[in-house]
Amino acid sequence: MKRPLPLWLAGVVPATLVAHGLGYALTGRSVGDAHHAWVAPALECSLAVLAALCCALFAGALLKAGVLVHTAAERSTLELWPRLAVAQLFMFTVMERMEGAHAGVPGYAMQVLVALCAAYVLSLFSRLLVRCIAGAHEASRYLERLLRGVNSFVSRRPFLVAHALAVRAGTARFQRPPPIG
């Protein structure tokens, strides 16, 4: 793409749908009829896309600022699992204490199991991210060469006169005579 899209364009769809619903609410009409059955799913999907875009931009800003950094532990499930498990167990214990309850063994076991699943998914995602970053430079060079300004595949240099006459007259006029027999 030669000219990127502005970021504010991602907010147009959800803002339009919210304004549409509010406009109907102000006039006392309902959007619950069959004509507006598409509004709720469209609003949910557009808000999900907007939230994902904002999260990606926020994570990119944190990575660029050096607040977050990729580590080698993220690529290995066995290195990441204990770290996630300890952090989740600590956070679970604090949450249970704030609620006035005591954390039980089933709660701790579930935290460790979910930590294992999360470590596996995060390690797969981290490996994918590393491969994408490694291939991004090569892909950007390829795209630059592809979009560089090749306007056509036809040569711009002038042809020889004989070639031009042969092309214009057609090949039927320049057939060899039959052999003398």
C-alpha atoms as a PDB file:
ATOM      1  CA  MET A   1       0.000   0.000   0.000  1.00  0.00           C
ATOM      2  CA  LYS A   2       1.507   3.300  -1.005  1.00  0.00           C
ATOM      3  CA  ARG A   3      -0.499   5.401   1.417  1.00  0.00           C
ATOM      4  CA  PRO A   4      -1.506   3.912   4.792  1.00  0.00           C
ATOM      5  CA  LEU A   5      -4.978   4.366   6.212  1.00  0.00           C
ATOM      6  CA  PRO A   6      -5.452   6.770   9.119  1.00  0.00           C
ATOM      7  CA  LEU A   7      -5.990   5.226  12.538  1.00  0.00           C
ATOM      8  CA  TRP A   8      -9.259   7.047  13.210  1.00  0.00           C
ATOM      9  CA  LEU A   9     -10.918   5.011  10.445  1.00  0.00           C
ATOM     10  CA  ALA A  10     -11.093   2.017  12.829  1.00  0.00           C
ATOM     11  CA  GLY A  11     -13.551   3.908  15.045  1.00  0.00           C
ATOM     12  CA  VAL A  12     -16.031   4.871  12.328  1.00  0.00           C
ATOM     13  CA  VAL A  13     -18.117   1.674  12.314  1.00  0.00           C
ATOM     14  CA  PRO A  14     -18.655   1.329  16.089  1.00  0.00           C
ATOM     15  CA  ALA A  15     -19.303   5.060  16.482  1.00  0.00           C
ATOM     16  CA  THR A  16     -21.855   4.999  13.659  1.00  0.00           C
ATOM     17  CA  LEU A  17     -23.649   2.010  15.151  1.00  0.00           C
ATOM     18  CA  VAL A  18     -23.756   3.551  18.637  1.00  0.00           C
ATOM     19  CA  ALA A  19     -25.068   6.838  17.215  1.00  0.00           C
ATOM     20  CA  HIS A  20     -27.647   4.915  15.203  1.00  0.00           C
ATOM     21  CA  GLY A  21     -28.933   3.185  18.344  1.00  0.00           C
ATOM     22  CA  LEU A  22     -28.911   6.415  20.363  1.00  0.00           C
ATOM     23  CA  GLY A  23     -30.791   8.218  17.595  1.00  0.00           C
ATOM     24  CA  TYR A  24     -33.513   5.608  17.699  1.00  0.00           C
ATOM     25  CA  ALA A  25     -33.601   5.742  21.519  1.00  0.00           C
ATOM     26  CA  LEU A  26     -34.020   9.537  21.504  1.00  0.00           C
ATOM     27  CA  THR A  27     -36.974   9.317  19.152  1.00  0.00           C
ATOM     28  CA  GLY A  28     -38.575   6.567  21.240  1.00  0.00           C
ATOM     29  CA  ARG A  29     -38.257   3.888  18.565  1.00  0.00           C
ATOM     30  CA  SER A  30     -36.779   0.475  19.181  1.00  0.00           C
ATOM     31  CA  VAL A  31     -33.946  -1.160  17.279  1.00  0.00           C
ATOM     32  CA  GLY A  32     -35.196  -4.567  18.415  1.00  0.00           C
ATOM     33  CA  ASP A  33     -37.153  -5.220  15.228  1.00  0.00           C
ATOM     34  CA  ALA A  34     -36.100  -7.607  12.464  1.00  0.00           C
ATOM     35  CA  HIS A  35     -34.657  -4.794  10.356  1.00  0.00           C
ATOM     36  CA  HIS A  36     -31.985  -4.119  12.969  1.00  0.00           C
ATOM     37  CA  ALA A  37     -31.019  -7.664  13.944  1.00  0.00           C
ATOM     38  CA  TRP A  38     -27.592  -7.103  12.409  1.00  0.00           C
ATOM     39  CA  VAL A  39     -26.719  -4.111  14.626  1.00  0.00           C
ATOM     40  CA  ALA A  40     -25.712  -5.961  17.813  1.00  0.00           C
ATOM     41  CA  PRO A  41     -23.382  -8.490  16.121  1.00  0.00           C
ATOM     42  CA  ALA A  42     -21.879  -5.768  13.927  1.00  0.00           C
ATOM     43  CA  LEU A  43     -21.270  -3.574  16.973  1.00  0.00           C
ATOM     44  CA  GLU A  44     -19.653  -6.446  18.896  1.00  0.00           C
ATOM     45  CA  CYS A  45     -17.374  -7.372  15.986  1.00  0.00           C
ATOM     46  CA  SER A  46     -16.356  -3.798  15.246  1.00  0.00           C
ATOM     47  CA  LEU A  47     -15.616  -3.130  18.928  1.00  0.00           C
ATOM     48  CA  ALA A  48     -13.559  -6.345  19.084  1.00  0.00           C
ATOM     49  CA  VAL A  49     -11.523  -5.265  16.045  1.00  0.00           C
ATOM     50  CA  LEU A  50     -11.046  -1.801  17.532  1.00  0.00           C
ATOM     51  CA  ALA A  51      -9.973  -3.257  20.895  1.00  0.00           C
ATOM     52  CA  ALA A  52      -7.528  -5.661  19.213  1.00  0.00           C
ATOM     53  CA  LEU A  53      -6.055  -2.824  17.176  1.00  0.00           C
ATOM     54  CA  CYS A  54      -5.668  -0.639  20.266  1.00  0.00           C
ATOM     55  CA  CYS A  55      -4.034  -3.503  22.183  1.00  0.00           C
ATOM     56  CA  ALA A  56      -1.604  -4.147  19.323  1.00  0.00           C
ATOM     57  CA  LEU A  57      -0.691  -0.464  19.121  1.00  0.00           C
ATOM     58  CA  PHE A  58      -0.284  -0.254  22.895  1.00  0.00           C
ATOM     59  CA  ALA A  59       1.918  -3.369  22.963  1.00  0.00           C
ATOM     60  CA  GLY A  60       3.975  -2.005  20.077  1.00  0.00           C
ATOM     61  CA  ALA A  61       4.472   1.264  21.942  1.00  0.00           C
ATOM     62  CA  LEU A  62       5.526  -0.593  25.108  1.00  0.00           C
ATOM     63  CA  LEU A  63       7.984  -2.726  23.120  1.00  0.00           C
ATOM     64  CA  LYS A  64       9.427   0.322  21.386  1.00  0.00           C
ATOM     65  CA  ALA A  65       9.770   2.202  24.682  1.00  0.00           C
ATOM     66  CA  GLY A  66      11.569  -0.745  26.268  1.00  0.00           C
ATOM     67  CA  VAL A  67       8.944  -1.382  28.952  1.00  0.00           C
ATOM     68  CA  LEU A  68       8.260  -4.844  27.504  1.00  0.00           C
ATOM     69  CA  VAL A  69      10.950  -7.015  25.949  1.00  0.00           C
ATOM     70  CA  HIS A  70      11.021 -10.434  24.266  1.00  0.00           C
ATOM     71  CA  THR A  71      12.929 -13.023  26.288  1.00  0.00           C
ATOM     72  CA  ALA A  72      14.123 -16.510  25.450  1.00  0.00           C
ATOM     73  CA  ALA A  73      11.893 -17.938  28.207  1.00  0.00           C
ATOM     74  CA  GLU A  74       8.807 -17.024  26.199  1.00  0.00           C
ATOM     75  CA  ARG A  75       9.737 -19.482  23.454  1.00  0.00           C
ATOM     76  CA  SER A  76       9.925 -22.481  25.803  1.00  0.00           C
ATOM     77  CA  THR A  77       6.841 -23.881  27.493  1.00  0.00           C
ATOM     78  CA  LEU A  78       8.886 -25.527  30.237  1.00  0.00           C
ATOM     79  CA  GLU A  79      10.676 -22.276  31.114  1.00  0.00           C
ATOM     80  CA  LEU A  80       7.542 -20.143  30.964  1.00  0.00           C
ATOM     81  CA  TRP A  81       5.181 -22.453  32.887  1.00  0.00           C
ATOM     82  CA  PRO A  82       6.738 -22.099  36.387  1.00  0.00           C
ATOM     83  CA  ARG A  83       6.949 -18.333  36.034  1.00  0.00           C
ATOM     84  CA  LEU A  84       3.306 -18.052  35.013  1.00  0.00           C
ATOM     85  CA  ALA A  85       2.225 -20.516  37.707  1.00  0.00           C
ATOM     86  CA  VAL A  86       3.966 -18.607  40.512  1.00  0.00           C
ATOM     87  CA  ALA A  87       2.578 -15.269  39.300  1.00  0.00           C
ATOM     88  CA  GLN A  88      -0.939 -16.698  38.951  1.00  0.00           C
ATOM     89  CA  LEU A  89      -0.824 -18.387  42.365  1.00  0.00           C
ATOM     90  CA  PHE A  90       0.276 -15.144  44.011  1.00  0.00           C
ATOM     91  CA  MET A  91      -2.404 -13.125  42.222  1.00  0.00           C
ATOM     92  CA  PHE A  92      -5.085 -15.748  43.015  1.00  0.00           C
ATOM     93  CA  THR A  93      -4.145 -15.743  46.700  1.00  0.00           C
ATOM     94  CA  VAL A  94      -4.309 -11.937  46.869  1.00  0.00           C
ATOM     95  CA  MET A  95      -7.698 -11.912  45.125  1.00  0.00           C
ATOM     96  CA  GLU A  96      -9.118 -14.520  47.493  1.00  0.00           C
ATOM     97  CA  ARG A  97      -7.818 -12.626  50.560  1.00  0.00           C
ATOM     98  CA  MET A  98      -9.374  -9.383  49.280  1.00  0.00           C
ATOM     99  CA  GLU A  99     -12.694 -11.210  48.887  1.00  0.00           C
ATOM    100  CA  GLY A 100     -12.430 -12.498  52.444  1.00  0.00           C
ATOM    101  CA  ALA A 101     -12.195 -16.134  51.423  1.00  0.00           C
ATOM    102  CA  HIS A 102      -9.450 -18.726  51.711  1.00  0.00           C
ATOM    103  CA  ALA A 103      -7.981 -20.231  48.576  1.00  0.00           C
ATOM    104  CA  GLY A 104      -8.403 -23.981  48.442  1.00  0.00           C
ATOM    105  CA  VAL A 105      -6.429 -26.769  46.814  1.00  0.00           C
ATOM    106  CA  PRO A 106      -8.812 -27.062  43.812  1.00  0.00           C
ATOM    107  CA  GLY A 107      -8.355 -23.358  43.093  1.00  0.00           C
ATOM    108  CA  TYR A 108      -4.570 -23.668  43.263  1.00  0.00           C
ATOM    109  CA  ALA A 109      -4.614 -26.782  41.057  1.00  0.00           C
ATOM    110  CA  MET A 110      -6.735 -25.000  38.461  1.00  0.00           C
ATOM    111  CA  GLN A 111      -4.328 -22.049  38.471  1.00  0.00           C
ATOM    112  CA  VAL A 112      -1.366 -24.366  37.804  1.00  0.00           C
ATOM    113  CA  LEU A 113      -3.246 -26.194  35.025  1.00  0.00           C
ATOM    114  CA  VAL A 114      -4.328 -22.969  33.343  1.00  0.00           C
ATOM    115  CA  ALA A 115      -0.750 -21.670  33.669  1.00  0.00           C
ATOM    116  CA  LEU A 116       0.455 -24.719  31.731  1.00  0.00           C
ATOM    117  CA  CYS A 117      -2.091 -24.129  28.963  1.00  0.00           C
ATOM    118  CA  ALA A 118      -1.300 -20.416  28.835  1.00  0.00           C
ATOM    119  CA  ALA A 119       2.449 -21.131  28.726  1.00  0.00           C
ATOM    120  CA  TYR A 120       1.940 -23.475  25.775  1.00  0.00           C
ATOM    121  CA  VAL A 121      -0.171 -20.960  23.832  1.00  0.00           C
ATOM    122  CA  LEU A 122       2.160 -18.058  24.665  1.00  0.00           C
ATOM    123  CA  SER A 123       5.234 -20.034  23.617  1.00  0.00           C
ATOM    124  CA  LEU A 124       3.617 -20.918  20.287  1.00  0.00           C
ATOM    125  CA  PHE A 125       2.660 -17.286  19.751  1.00  0.00           C
ATOM    126  CA  SER A 126       6.149 -16.110  20.707  1.00  0.00           C
ATOM    127  CA  ARG A 127       7.766 -18.493  18.225  1.00  0.00           C
ATOM    128  CA  LEU A 128       5.396 -17.264  15.529  1.00  0.00           C
ATOM    129  CA  LEU A 129       6.197 -13.669  16.417  1.00  0.00           C
ATOM    130  CA  VAL A 130       9.949 -14.296  16.204  1.00  0.00           C
ATOM    131  CA  ARG A 131       9.526 -15.869  12.762  1.00  0.00           C
ATOM    132  CA  CYS A 132       7.367 -12.967  11.601  1.00  0.00           C
ATOM    133  CA  ILE A 133       9.929 -10.428  12.776  1.00  0.00           C
ATOM    134  CA  ALA A 134      12.726 -12.365  11.066  1.00  0.00           C
ATOM    135  CA  GLY A 135      10.800 -12.543   7.801  1.00  0.00           C
ATOM    136  CA  ALA A 136       9.523  -8.980   7.916  1.00  0.00           C
ATOM    137  CA  HIS A 137      12.767  -7.467   6.672  1.00  0.00           C
ATOM    138  CA  GLU A 138      12.963  -9.812   3.700  1.00  0.00           C
ATOM    139  CA  ALA A 139       9.274  -9.302   2.909  1.00  0.00           C
ATOM    140  CA  SER A 140       9.608  -5.517   3.033  1.00  0.00           C
ATOM    141  CA  ARG A 141      12.579  -5.639   0.638  1.00  0.00           C
ATOM    142  CA  TYR A 142      10.596  -7.861  -1.718  1.00  0.00           C
ATOM    143  CA  LEU A 143       7.568  -5.535  -1.610  1.00  0.00           C
ATOM    144  CA  GLU A 144       9.750  -2.493  -2.263  1.00  0.00           C
ATOM    145  CA  ARG A 145      11.212  -4.171  -5.338  1.00  0.00           C
ATOM    146  CA  LEU A 146       7.765  -5.268  -6.449  1.00  0.00           C
ATOM    147  CA  LEU A 147       6.229  -1.803  -6.152  1.00  0.00           C
ATOM    148  CA  ARG A 148       9.281   0.107  -7.297  1.00  0.00           C
ATOM    149  CA  GLY A 149       7.921   1.532 -10.508  1.00  0.00           C
ATOM    150  CA  VAL A 150       7.698  -1.181 -13.076  1.00  0.00           C
ATOM    151  CA  ASN A 151       4.895   0.329 -15.087  1.00  0.00           C
ATOM    152  CA  SER A 152       4.733  -2.260 -17.834  1.00  0.00           C
ATOM    153  CA  PHE A 153       6.485  -5.279 -19.195  1.00  0.00           C
ATOM    154  CA  VAL A 154       6.683  -3.775 -22.700  1.00  0.00           C
ATOM    155  CA  SER A 155      10.082  -2.482 -23.701  1.00  0.00           C
ATOM    156  CA  ARG A 156      10.258   1.258 -24.297  1.00  0.00           C
ATOM    157  CA  ARG A 157      13.158   1.158 -26.772  1.00  0.00           C
ATOM    158  CA  PRO A 158      12.279   1.550 -30.467  1.00  0.00           C
ATOM    159  CA  PHE A 159      12.122  -1.544 -32.642  1.00  0.00           C
ATOM    160  CA  LEU A 160      13.974  -2.001 -35.868  1.00  0.00           C
ATOM    161  CA  VAL A 161      12.061  -0.950 -38.979  1.00  0.00           C
ATOM    162  CA  ALA A 162      12.052  -4.466 -40.429  1.00  0.00           C
ATOM    163  CA  HIS A 163      10.581  -5.869 -37.242  1.00  0.00           C
ATOM    164  CA  ALA A 164       7.921  -3.172 -37.128  1.00  0.00           C
ATOM    165  CA  LEU A 165       6.928  -3.852 -40.756  1.00  0.00           C
ATOM    166  CA  ALA A 166       6.726  -7.587 -40.113  1.00  0.00           C
ATOM    167  CA  VAL A 167       4.492  -7.097 -37.110  1.00  0.00           C
ATOM    168  CA  ARG A 168       2.186  -4.668 -38.927  1.00  0.00           C
ATOM    169  CA  ALA A 169       1.972  -6.691 -42.158  1.00  0.00           C
ATOM    170  CA  GLY A 170       1.445  -9.992 -40.401  1.00  0.00           C
ATOM    171  CA  THR A 171       3.342 -13.211 -40.790  1.00  0.00           C
ATOM    172  CA  ALA A 172       1.188 -14.520 -43.657  1.00  0.00           C
ATOM    173  CA  ARG A 173       2.867 -12.187 -46.191  1.00  0.00           C
ATOM    174  CA  PHE A 174       6.365 -13.446 -45.395  1.00  0.00           C
ATOM    175  CA  GLN A 175       6.047 -17.180 -46.055  1.00  0.00           C
ATOM    176  CA  ARG A 176       8.711 -19.092 -47.870  1.00  0.00           C
ATOM    177  CA  PRO A 177       7.793 -20.195 -51.403  1.00  0.00           C
ATOM    178  CA  PRO A 178       7.252 -23.905 -52.019  1.00  0.00           C
ATOM    179  CA  PRO A 179      10.338 -25.903 -52.963  1.00  0.00           C
ATOM    180  CA  ILE A 180      11.058 -26.422 -56.643  1.00  0.00           C
ATOM    181  CA  GLY A 181      10.315 -29.955 -57.434  1.00  0.00           C
END
